[in-house]
Amino acid sequence: IMMDDVNCLGDEATLASCTFRDWQNHNCLHSEDAGVVCLAEESHQFGCKSETFRVRLADGDGKNEGRVEVYCGGQWGTVCNNSWSKSDADVICRQLGYPGGVPEASAVFGPGLGPILMDNVQCKGTETSLHQCKFVKWKDQNCRHSEDAGVVCHIAENCTYPECNCQHEGAVRLAGSSYYAEGRVEICHNNLWGTICSNLWDWYEGNIVCQQLQFAAVNRGNNAGFGLGRGPIWMDNVQCHGQEENLSQCDFDGWGVDDCDNGGKANVSLSCTWN
């Protein structure tokens, strides 16, 4: 038994550079022999060096959204949406130069190609790179590309990108329909279109939206009748009293504050009428 009480700091080039008792000075039996299991570089959390790790968004409508793809081991791959959360989206978006974002799951931006490199990502939200977040070993996953994760990053108010088509704070629009008088209700905040949760949504709120769009009144309303929106859920628990000139003057929980899920509850849709 050549070495005992070995104490390495981790940056030594050889085991002999670590501190230990003198050679062959020990108080051990061979039943205490030490061993290791070495991992291939790509198979553990530190396999992709931080200086070469990269993130990009693919197949979104604008530069600020898309399927999350990461570069590791000389190849691009996707991220599985298990445990995918807003904290993960915030880290990615800040890494790409945006102030934050919202998560998207189930291959909203289409399935990717190549390997699924990360799964069960769990960011605290304070990390500066997705590489710093906890996740299982590289390529260790039980996913399909139908579970590829995505994000929609928020755009700052001084946005100069061409996809910033949301110019007027508090403006509303009806989306997801070929007919201009009906659709999914979306509202503009921080130069980004977002949806509205249906909690407490009623005729009062629908009327305010229709009147803001220069219609007479709401004709009918339903939840997610025109598909799920992308981007943030900007408003929840909206309560209008009828005298407001626009929807943002109504009471609600606060911009981006909601307890909605990603299903139909996260959207309100309506049809407006001229009379």
C-alpha atoms as a PDB file:
ATOM      1  CA  ILE A   1       0.000   0.000   0.000  1.00  0.00           C
ATOM      2  CA  MET A   2       1.875   2.983  -1.345  1.00  0.00           C
ATOM      3  CA  MET A   3      -0.255   6.001  -0.270  1.00  0.00           C
ATOM      4  CA  ASP A   4      -2.573   6.919   2.609  1.00  0.00           C
ATOM      5  CA  ASP A   5      -4.495  10.032   3.707  1.00  0.00           C
ATOM      6  CA  VAL A   6      -4.334  11.497   0.198  1.00  0.00           C
ATOM      7  CA  ASN A   7      -5.676  15.060   0.082  1.00  0.00           C
ATOM      8  CA  CYS A   8      -5.977  16.723  -3.353  1.00  0.00           C
ATOM      9  CA  LEU A   9      -7.227  20.233  -4.086  1.00  0.00           C
ATOM     10  CA  GLY A  10      -8.327  19.290  -7.609  1.00  0.00           C
ATOM     11  CA  ASP A  11      -5.917  21.328  -9.715  1.00  0.00           C
ATOM     12  CA  GLU A  12      -2.909  19.019  -9.369  1.00  0.00           C
ATOM     13  CA  ALA A  13      -1.436  17.508 -12.558  1.00  0.00           C
ATOM     14  CA  THR A  14      -0.641  14.148 -10.926  1.00  0.00           C
ATOM     15  CA  LEU A  15      -1.719  12.259  -7.840  1.00  0.00           C
ATOM     16  CA  ALA A  16       1.826  12.435  -6.505  1.00  0.00           C
ATOM     17  CA  SER A  17       1.455  16.234  -6.362  1.00  0.00           C
ATOM     18  CA  CYS A  18      -1.260  15.875  -3.698  1.00  0.00           C
ATOM     19  CA  THR A  19      -0.469  15.838   0.016  1.00  0.00           C
ATOM     20  CA  PHE A  20      -0.262  12.390   1.682  1.00  0.00           C
ATOM     21  CA  ARG A  21       1.757  10.464   4.215  1.00  0.00           C
ATOM     22  CA  ASP A  22       5.224   9.366   3.211  1.00  0.00           C
ATOM     23  CA  TRP A  23       5.434   6.598   0.632  1.00  0.00           C
ATOM     24  CA  GLN A  24       4.315   3.266   2.109  1.00  0.00           C
ATOM     25  CA  ASN A  25       3.469   4.972   5.431  1.00  0.00           C
ATOM     26  CA  HIS A  26      -0.082   3.827   6.195  1.00  0.00           C
ATOM     27  CA  ASN A  27      -2.348   2.095   8.694  1.00  0.00           C
ATOM     28  CA  CYS A  28      -4.585   0.277   6.168  1.00  0.00           C
ATOM     29  CA  LEU A  29      -5.499  -3.193   4.932  1.00  0.00           C
ATOM     30  CA  HIS A  30      -6.179  -4.049   1.266  1.00  0.00           C
ATOM     31  CA  SER A  31      -9.863  -4.192   2.176  1.00  0.00           C
ATOM     32  CA  GLU A  32      -9.603  -0.380   2.239  1.00  0.00           C
ATOM     33  CA  ASP A  33      -8.121  -0.006  -1.250  1.00  0.00           C
ATOM     34  CA  ALA A  34      -9.482   3.083  -3.018  1.00  0.00           C
ATOM     35  CA  GLY A  35     -10.933   3.175  -6.539  1.00  0.00           C
ATOM     36  CA  VAL A  36     -12.503   5.581  -9.035  1.00  0.00           C
ATOM     37  CA  VAL A  37     -14.929   5.487 -11.959  1.00  0.00           C
ATOM     38  CA  CYS A  38     -13.809   7.895 -14.714  1.00  0.00           C
ATOM     39  CA  LEU A  39     -16.519   9.550 -16.823  1.00  0.00           C
ATOM     40  CA  ALA A  40     -16.197  10.378 -20.496  1.00  0.00           C
ATOM     41  CA  GLU A  41     -15.849  14.153 -20.900  1.00  0.00           C
ATOM     42  CA  GLU A  42     -19.288  14.601 -22.498  1.00  0.00           C
ATOM     43  CA  SER A  43     -21.104  12.554 -19.874  1.00  0.00           C
ATOM     44  CA  HIS A  44     -20.908  14.787 -16.798  1.00  0.00           C
ATOM     45  CA  GLN A  45     -21.833  18.310 -15.888  1.00  0.00           C
ATOM     46  CA  PHE A  46     -18.365  19.740 -16.492  1.00  0.00           C
ATOM     47  CA  GLY A  47     -17.817  17.961 -19.820  1.00  0.00           C
ATOM     48  CA  CYS A  48     -18.524  21.133 -21.789  1.00  0.00           C
ATOM     49  CA  LYS A  49     -16.099  23.832 -20.795  1.00  0.00           C
ATOM     50  CA  SER A  50     -17.779  27.122 -19.970  1.00  0.00           C
ATOM     51  CA  GLU A  51     -15.641  29.040 -22.461  1.00  0.00           C
ATOM     52  CA  THR A  52     -16.909  26.914 -25.383  1.00  0.00           C
ATOM     53  CA  PHE A  53     -20.513  26.436 -24.190  1.00  0.00           C
ATOM     54  CA  ARG A  54     -23.045  28.360 -26.291  1.00  0.00           C
ATOM     55  CA  VAL A  55     -26.825  28.811 -26.446  1.00  0.00           C
ATOM     56  CA  ARG A  56     -29.070  29.794 -29.372  1.00  0.00           C
ATOM     57  CA  LEU A  57     -32.788  30.032 -30.154  1.00  0.00           C
ATOM     58  CA  ALA A  58     -34.048  28.302 -33.301  1.00  0.00           C
ATOM     59  CA  ASP A  59     -37.195  28.458 -35.454  1.00  0.00           C
ATOM     60  CA  GLY A  60     -38.943  31.305 -33.624  1.00  0.00           C
ATOM     61  CA  ASP A  61     -40.855  34.129 -35.286  1.00  0.00           C
ATOM     62  CA  GLY A  62     -38.246  36.613 -34.003  1.00  0.00           C
ATOM     63  CA  LYS A  63     -34.725  36.642 -32.632  1.00  0.00           C
ATOM     64  CA  ASN A  64     -36.056  36.723 -29.089  1.00  0.00           C
ATOM     65  CA  GLU A  65     -37.859  33.348 -29.181  1.00  0.00           C
ATOM     66  CA  GLY A  66     -37.362  29.787 -30.278  1.00  0.00           C
ATOM     67  CA  ARG A  67     -36.328  26.271 -29.435  1.00  0.00           C
ATOM     68  CA  VAL A  68     -33.404  26.231 -27.004  1.00  0.00           C
ATOM     69  CA  GLU A  69     -30.282  24.664 -28.479  1.00  0.00           C
ATOM     70  CA  VAL A  70     -26.945  24.302 -26.711  1.00  0.00           C
ATOM     71  CA  TYR A  71     -23.464  23.639 -28.057  1.00  0.00           C
ATOM     72  CA  CYS A  72     -21.479  20.909 -26.328  1.00  0.00           C
ATOM     73  CA  GLY A  73     -18.738  18.542 -27.432  1.00  0.00           C
ATOM     74  CA  GLY A  74     -18.545  19.985 -30.934  1.00  0.00           C
ATOM     75  CA  GLN A  75     -22.252  19.609 -31.714  1.00  0.00           C
ATOM     76  CA  TRP A  76     -25.552  21.426 -31.271  1.00  0.00           C
ATOM     77  CA  GLY A  77     -28.381  19.706 -29.420  1.00  0.00           C
ATOM     78  CA  THR A  78     -31.684  20.434 -27.692  1.00  0.00           C
ATOM     79  CA  VAL A  79     -32.904  20.599 -24.093  1.00  0.00           C
ATOM     80  CA  CYS A  80     -35.704  18.415 -22.713  1.00  0.00           C
ATOM     81  CA  ASN A  81     -38.605  20.242 -21.033  1.00  0.00           C
ATOM     82  CA  ASN A  82     -38.638  18.121 -17.860  1.00  0.00           C
ATOM     83  CA  SER A  83     -38.569  20.516 -14.874  1.00  0.00           C
ATOM     84  CA  TRP A  84     -38.467  23.451 -17.323  1.00  0.00           C
ATOM     85  CA  SER A  85     -39.360  26.675 -15.517  1.00  0.00           C
ATOM     86  CA  LYS A  86     -39.283  30.466 -15.683  1.00  0.00           C
ATOM     87  CA  SER A  87     -35.975  30.503 -13.800  1.00  0.00           C
ATOM     88  CA  ASP A  88     -34.425  28.475 -16.618  1.00  0.00           C
ATOM     89  CA  ALA A  89     -35.888  30.812 -19.235  1.00  0.00           C
ATOM     90  CA  ASP A  90     -34.636  33.884 -17.371  1.00  0.00           C
ATOM     91  CA  VAL A  91     -31.076  32.533 -17.288  1.00  0.00           C
ATOM     92  CA  ILE A  92     -31.072  31.719 -21.019  1.00  0.00           C
ATOM     93  CA  CYS A  93     -32.556  35.062 -22.008  1.00  0.00           C
ATOM     94  CA  ARG A  94     -30.121  37.048 -19.878  1.00  0.00           C
ATOM     95  CA  GLN A  95     -27.280  34.987 -21.366  1.00  0.00           C
ATOM     96  CA  LEU A  96     -28.509  36.125 -24.797  1.00  0.00           C
ATOM     97  CA  GLY A  97     -28.781  39.759 -23.756  1.00  0.00           C
ATOM     98  CA  TYR A  98     -32.495  40.016 -22.897  1.00  0.00           C
ATOM     99  CA  PRO A  99     -33.867  41.046 -19.490  1.00  0.00           C
ATOM    100  CA  GLY A 100     -35.712  37.758 -18.908  1.00  0.00           C
ATOM    101  CA  GLY A 101     -38.279  35.463 -20.477  1.00  0.00           C
ATOM    102  CA  VAL A 102     -40.939  32.795 -20.198  1.00  0.00           C
ATOM    103  CA  PRO A 103     -40.585  29.041 -20.759  1.00  0.00           C
ATOM    104  CA  GLU A 104     -42.234  27.085 -23.559  1.00  0.00           C
ATOM    105  CA  ALA A 105     -42.554  23.292 -23.585  1.00  0.00           C
ATOM    106  CA  SER A 106     -43.618  20.387 -25.812  1.00  0.00           C
ATOM    107  CA  ALA A 107     -41.698  21.530 -28.900  1.00  0.00           C
ATOM    108  CA  VAL A 108     -43.803  24.677 -29.414  1.00  0.00           C
ATOM    109  CA  PHE A 109     -41.182  25.835 -31.922  1.00  0.00           C
ATOM    110  CA  GLY A 110     -40.973  22.455 -33.623  1.00  0.00           C
ATOM    111  CA  PRO A 111     -38.856  19.388 -32.840  1.00  0.00           C
ATOM    112  CA  GLY A 112     -35.112  19.726 -33.150  1.00  0.00           C
ATOM    113  CA  LEU A 113     -32.528  17.464 -34.730  1.00  0.00           C
ATOM    114  CA  GLY A 114     -29.489  15.803 -33.276  1.00  0.00           C
ATOM    115  CA  PRO A 115     -28.935  14.760 -29.663  1.00  0.00           C
ATOM    116  CA  ILE A 116     -30.925  15.890 -26.638  1.00  0.00           C
ATOM    117  CA  LEU A 117     -28.038  17.187 -24.561  1.00  0.00           C
ATOM    118  CA  MET A 118     -29.671  18.369 -21.325  1.00  0.00           C
ATOM    119  CA  ASP A 119     -32.575  17.208 -19.161  1.00  0.00           C
ATOM    120  CA  ASN A 120     -34.085  18.165 -15.805  1.00  0.00           C
ATOM    121  CA  VAL A 121     -32.442  21.578 -15.880  1.00  0.00           C
ATOM    122  CA  GLN A 122     -32.934  23.390 -12.579  1.00  0.00           C
ATOM    123  CA  CYS A 123     -31.665  26.964 -12.502  1.00  0.00           C
ATOM    124  CA  LYS A 124     -31.975  29.138  -9.425  1.00  0.00           C
ATOM    125  CA  GLY A 125     -32.375  32.173 -11.660  1.00  0.00           C
ATOM    126  CA  THR A 126     -29.177  33.913 -10.546  1.00  0.00           C
ATOM    127  CA  GLU A 127     -26.810  32.057 -12.877  1.00  0.00           C
ATOM    128  CA  THR A 128     -25.166  33.913 -15.766  1.00  0.00           C
ATOM    129  CA  SER A 129     -25.098  30.848 -18.043  1.00  0.00           C
ATOM    130  CA  LEU A 130     -27.249  27.746 -18.488  1.00  0.00           C
ATOM    131  CA  HIS A 131     -24.013  25.776 -18.085  1.00  0.00           C
ATOM    132  CA  GLN A 132     -23.962  26.761 -14.412  1.00  0.00           C
ATOM    133  CA  CYS A 133     -27.420  25.308 -13.671  1.00  0.00           C
ATOM    134  CA  LYS A 134     -27.994  21.872 -12.210  1.00  0.00           C
ATOM    135  CA  PHE A 135     -29.030  19.096 -14.605  1.00  0.00           C
ATOM    136  CA  VAL A 136     -28.446  15.393 -15.105  1.00  0.00           C
ATOM    137  CA  LYS A 137     -25.382  14.171 -16.976  1.00  0.00           C
ATOM    138  CA  TRP A 138     -24.808  15.281 -20.570  1.00  0.00           C
ATOM    139  CA  LYS A 139     -26.985  13.246 -22.959  1.00  0.00           C
ATOM    140  CA  ASP A 140     -28.516  11.409 -19.970  1.00  0.00           C
ATOM    141  CA  GLN A 141     -32.236  11.816 -20.651  1.00  0.00           C
ATOM    142  CA  ASN A 142     -35.484   9.935 -21.264  1.00  0.00           C
ATOM    143  CA  CYS A 143     -37.030  12.361 -23.745  1.00  0.00           C
ATOM    144  CA  ARG A 144     -38.066  12.697 -27.342  1.00  0.00           C
ATOM    145  CA  HIS A 145     -37.762  15.766 -29.525  1.00  0.00           C
ATOM    146  CA  SER A 146     -41.495  16.318 -29.018  1.00  0.00           C
ATOM    147  CA  GLU A 147     -40.445  17.491 -25.536  1.00  0.00           C
ATOM    148  CA  ASP A 148     -37.884  20.050 -26.713  1.00  0.00           C
ATOM    149  CA  ALA A 149     -37.833  23.159 -24.532  1.00  0.00           C
ATOM    150  CA  GLY A 150     -38.152  26.714 -25.806  1.00  0.00           C
ATOM    151  CA  VAL A 151     -38.276  30.263 -24.511  1.00  0.00           C
ATOM    152  CA  VAL A 152     -39.732  33.640 -25.414  1.00  0.00           C
ATOM    153  CA  CYS A 153     -37.398  36.370 -24.191  1.00  0.00           C
ATOM    154  CA  HIS A 154     -38.758  39.741 -23.116  1.00  0.00           C
ATOM    155  CA  ILE A 155     -37.678  42.712 -25.178  1.00  0.00           C
ATOM    156  CA  ALA A 156     -36.644  45.894 -23.406  1.00  0.00           C
ATOM    157  CA  GLU A 157     -38.655  49.064 -23.920  1.00  0.00           C
ATOM    158  CA  ASN A 158     -35.899  50.621 -26.036  1.00  0.00           C
ATOM    159  CA  CYS A 159     -35.959  47.675 -28.418  1.00  0.00           C
ATOM    160  CA  THR A 160     -34.677  48.347 -31.943  1.00  0.00           C
ATOM    161  CA  TYR A 161     -35.145  44.857 -33.367  1.00  0.00           C
ATOM    162  CA  PRO A 162     -37.481  44.517 -36.399  1.00  0.00           C
ATOM    163  CA  GLU A 163     -39.705  41.992 -34.601  1.00  0.00           C
ATOM    164  CA  CYS A 164     -40.667  44.609 -31.997  1.00  0.00           C
ATOM    165  CA  ASN A 165     -44.065  45.269 -33.573  1.00  0.00           C
ATOM    166  CA  CYS A 166     -45.667  46.083 -30.238  1.00  0.00           C
ATOM    167  CA  GLN A 167     -45.211  49.850 -30.172  1.00  0.00           C
ATOM    168  CA  HIS A 168     -47.937  51.242 -27.917  1.00  0.00           C
ATOM    169  CA  GLU A 169     -48.054  50.366 -24.237  1.00  0.00           C
ATOM    170  CA  GLY A 170     -51.478  48.967 -23.279  1.00  0.00           C
ATOM    171  CA  ALA A 171     -52.633  48.406 -26.883  1.00  0.00           C
ATOM    172  CA  VAL A 172     -54.782  45.318 -27.456  1.00  0.00           C
ATOM    173  CA  ARG A 173     -55.324  43.096 -30.477  1.00  0.00           C
ATOM    174  CA  LEU A 174     -57.279  39.992 -31.496  1.00  0.00           C
ATOM    175  CA  ALA A 175     -54.960  37.250 -32.746  1.00  0.00           C
ATOM    176  CA  GLY A 176     -55.256  33.752 -34.162  1.00  0.00           C
ATOM    177  CA  SER A 177     -58.239  34.399 -36.451  1.00  0.00           C
ATOM    178  CA  SER A 178     -58.668  35.308 -40.119  1.00  0.00           C
ATOM    179  CA  TYR A 179     -61.613  37.563 -39.144  1.00  0.00           C
ATOM    180  CA  TYR A 180     -60.627  40.934 -37.685  1.00  0.00           C
ATOM    181  CA  ALA A 181     -63.487  41.115 -35.164  1.00  0.00           C
ATOM    182  CA  GLU A 182     -62.646  37.968 -33.199  1.00  0.00           C
ATOM    183  CA  GLY A 183     -59.646  36.182 -31.794  1.00  0.00           C
ATOM    184  CA  ARG A 184     -57.357  35.637 -28.854  1.00  0.00           C
ATOM    185  CA  VAL A 185     -56.958  38.775 -26.728  1.00  0.00           C
ATOM    186  CA  GLU A 186     -53.351  40.008 -26.529  1.00  0.00           C
ATOM    187  CA  ILE A 187     -52.022  43.141 -24.866  1.00  0.00           C
ATOM    188  CA  CYS A 188     -48.821  45.117 -25.407  1.00  0.00           C
ATOM    189  CA  HIS A 189     -46.397  45.633 -22.509  1.00  0.00           C
ATOM    190  CA  ASN A 190     -42.672  46.378 -22.671  1.00  0.00           C
ATOM    191  CA  ASN A 191     -42.769  46.122 -26.481  1.00  0.00           C
ATOM    192  CA  LEU A 192     -43.925  42.500 -26.309  1.00  0.00           C
ATOM    193  CA  TRP A 193     -47.339  41.015 -27.048  1.00  0.00           C
ATOM    194  CA  GLY A 194     -48.669  38.724 -24.332  1.00  0.00           C
ATOM    195  CA  THR A 195     -51.860  36.911 -23.385  1.00  0.00           C
ATOM    196  CA  ILE A 196     -54.366  37.233 -20.538  1.00  0.00           C
ATOM    197  CA  CYS A 197     -55.411  34.576 -18.065  1.00  0.00           C
ATOM    198  CA  SER A 198     -59.136  33.851 -17.943  1.00  0.00           C
ATOM    199  CA  ASN A 199     -59.415  33.983 -14.140  1.00  0.00           C
ATOM    200  CA  LEU A 200     -62.337  36.347 -13.275  1.00  0.00           C
ATOM    201  CA  TRP A 201     -62.727  37.276 -16.973  1.00  0.00           C
ATOM    202  CA  ASP A 202     -66.312  38.318 -17.752  1.00  0.00           C
ATOM    203  CA  TRP A 203     -68.419  40.488 -20.082  1.00  0.00           C
ATOM    204  CA  TYR A 204     -67.195  43.718 -18.471  1.00  0.00           C
ATOM    205  CA  GLU A 205     -63.608  42.976 -19.482  1.00  0.00           C
ATOM    206  CA  GLY A 206     -64.640  41.829 -22.955  1.00  0.00           C
ATOM    207  CA  ASN A 207     -66.589  45.013 -23.528  1.00  0.00           C
ATOM    208  CA  ILE A 208     -63.608  47.169 -22.590  1.00  0.00           C
ATOM    209  CA  VAL A 209     -61.421  45.292 -25.090  1.00  0.00           C
ATOM    210  CA  CYS A 210     -63.982  45.617 -27.905  1.00  0.00           C
ATOM    211  CA  GLN A 211     -64.566  49.306 -27.222  1.00  0.00           C
ATOM    212  CA  GLN A 212     -60.823  49.919 -27.107  1.00  0.00           C
ATOM    213  CA  LEU A 213     -60.706  48.393 -30.613  1.00  0.00           C
ATOM    214  CA  GLN A 214     -63.501  50.762 -31.717  1.00  0.00           C
ATOM    215  CA  PHE A 215     -66.269  48.146 -31.706  1.00  0.00           C
ATOM    216  CA  ALA A 216     -69.572  48.645 -29.942  1.00  0.00           C
ATOM    217  CA  ALA A 217     -69.513  45.706 -27.556  1.00  0.00           C
ATOM    218  CA  VAL A 218     -68.508  42.114 -27.005  1.00  0.00           C
ATOM    219  CA  ASN A 219     -70.576  39.497 -28.822  1.00  0.00           C
ATOM    220  CA  ARG A 220     -69.325  36.359 -27.153  1.00  0.00           C
ATOM    221  CA  GLY A 221     -66.305  35.110 -25.264  1.00  0.00           C
ATOM    222  CA  ASN A 222     -64.602  31.787 -24.743  1.00  0.00           C
ATOM    223  CA  ASN A 223     -61.268  30.428 -23.533  1.00  0.00           C
ATOM    224  CA  ALA A 224     -58.487  29.531 -25.984  1.00  0.00           C
ATOM    225  CA  GLY A 225     -60.912  29.325 -28.890  1.00  0.00           C
ATOM    226  CA  PHE A 226     -58.224  30.671 -31.224  1.00  0.00           C
ATOM    227  CA  GLY A 227     -55.216  28.670 -30.115  1.00  0.00           C
ATOM    228  CA  LEU A 228     -52.593  29.124 -27.448  1.00  0.00           C
ATOM    229  CA  GLY A 229     -50.569  32.296 -27.573  1.00  0.00           C
ATOM    230  CA  ARG A 230     -46.809  32.646 -27.254  1.00  0.00           C
ATOM    231  CA  GLY A 231     -44.906  34.923 -24.990  1.00  0.00           C
ATOM    232  CA  PRO A 232     -45.694  36.028 -21.454  1.00  0.00           C
ATOM    233  CA  ILE A 233     -49.062  35.918 -19.714  1.00  0.00           C
ATOM    234  CA  TRP A 234     -49.222  39.618 -18.956  1.00  0.00           C
ATOM    235  CA  MET A 235     -52.478  39.879 -16.967  1.00  0.00           C
ATOM    236  CA  ASP A 236     -54.480  37.750 -14.543  1.00  0.00           C
ATOM    237  CA  ASN A 237     -57.576  38.314 -12.387  1.00  0.00           C
ATOM    238  CA  VAL A 238     -58.603  41.300 -14.506  1.00  0.00           C
ATOM    239  CA  GLN A 239     -61.609  43.186 -13.130  1.00  0.00           C
ATOM    240  CA  CYS A 240     -63.076  46.111 -15.036  1.00  0.00           C
ATOM    241  CA  HIS A 241     -65.914  48.299 -13.795  1.00  0.00           C
ATOM    242  CA  GLY A 242     -67.134  49.551 -17.165  1.00  0.00           C
ATOM    243  CA  GLN A 243     -65.891  53.133 -17.244  1.00  0.00           C
ATOM    244  CA  GLU A 244     -62.281  52.366 -18.208  1.00  0.00           C
ATOM    245  CA  GLU A 245     -61.018  53.557 -21.586  1.00  0.00           C
ATOM    246  CA  ASN A 246     -58.579  50.695 -22.004  1.00  0.00           C
ATOM    247  CA  LEU A 247     -57.918  47.304 -20.455  1.00  0.00           C
ATOM    248  CA  SER A 248     -54.714  48.330 -18.664  1.00  0.00           C
ATOM    249  CA  GLN A 249     -56.773  50.734 -16.492  1.00  0.00           C
ATOM    250  CA  CYS A 250     -58.695  47.798 -15.007  1.00  0.00           C
ATOM    251  CA  ASP A 251     -57.656  46.124 -11.771  1.00  0.00           C
ATOM    252  CA  PHE A 252     -55.335  43.107 -12.147  1.00  0.00           C
ATOM    253  CA  ASP A 253     -52.575  41.347 -10.238  1.00  0.00           C
ATOM    254  CA  GLY A 254     -49.663  43.137 -11.907  1.00  0.00           C
ATOM    255  CA  TRP A 255     -47.760  42.786 -15.156  1.00  0.00           C
ATOM    256  CA  GLY A 256     -46.504  39.236 -15.581  1.00  0.00           C
ATOM    257  CA  VAL A 257     -48.030  38.039 -12.302  1.00  0.00           C
ATOM    258  CA  ASP A 258     -50.328  35.038 -12.798  1.00  0.00           C
ATOM    259  CA  ASP A 259     -51.307  31.635 -11.493  1.00  0.00           C
ATOM    260  CA  CYS A 260     -52.272  30.210 -14.871  1.00  0.00           C
ATOM    261  CA  ASP A 261     -51.049  27.046 -16.509  1.00  0.00           C
ATOM    262  CA  ASN A 262     -50.057  26.624 -20.162  1.00  0.00           C
ATOM    263  CA  GLY A 263     -53.446  25.292 -21.139  1.00  0.00           C
ATOM    264  CA  GLY A 264     -56.626  27.024 -22.264  1.00  0.00           C
ATOM    265  CA  LYS A 265     -56.891  28.959 -19.021  1.00  0.00           C
ATOM    266  CA  ALA A 266     -53.891  31.038 -20.105  1.00  0.00           C
ATOM    267  CA  ASN A 267     -55.837  32.676 -22.934  1.00  0.00           C
ATOM    268  CA  VAL A 268     -59.072  34.591 -23.344  1.00  0.00           C
ATOM    269  CA  SER A 269     -60.767  34.915 -26.710  1.00  0.00           C
ATOM    270  CA  LEU A 270     -63.776  36.910 -27.803  1.00  0.00           C
ATOM    271  CA  SER A 271     -65.832  38.199 -30.694  1.00  0.00           C
ATOM    272  CA  CYS A 272     -66.778  41.864 -31.037  1.00  0.00           C
ATOM    273  CA  THR A 273     -69.802  43.350 -32.683  1.00  0.00           C
ATOM    274  CA  TRP A 274     -70.618  46.725 -34.287  1.00  0.00           C
ATOM    275  CA  ASN A 275     -74.020  47.035 -32.602  1.00  0.00           C
END
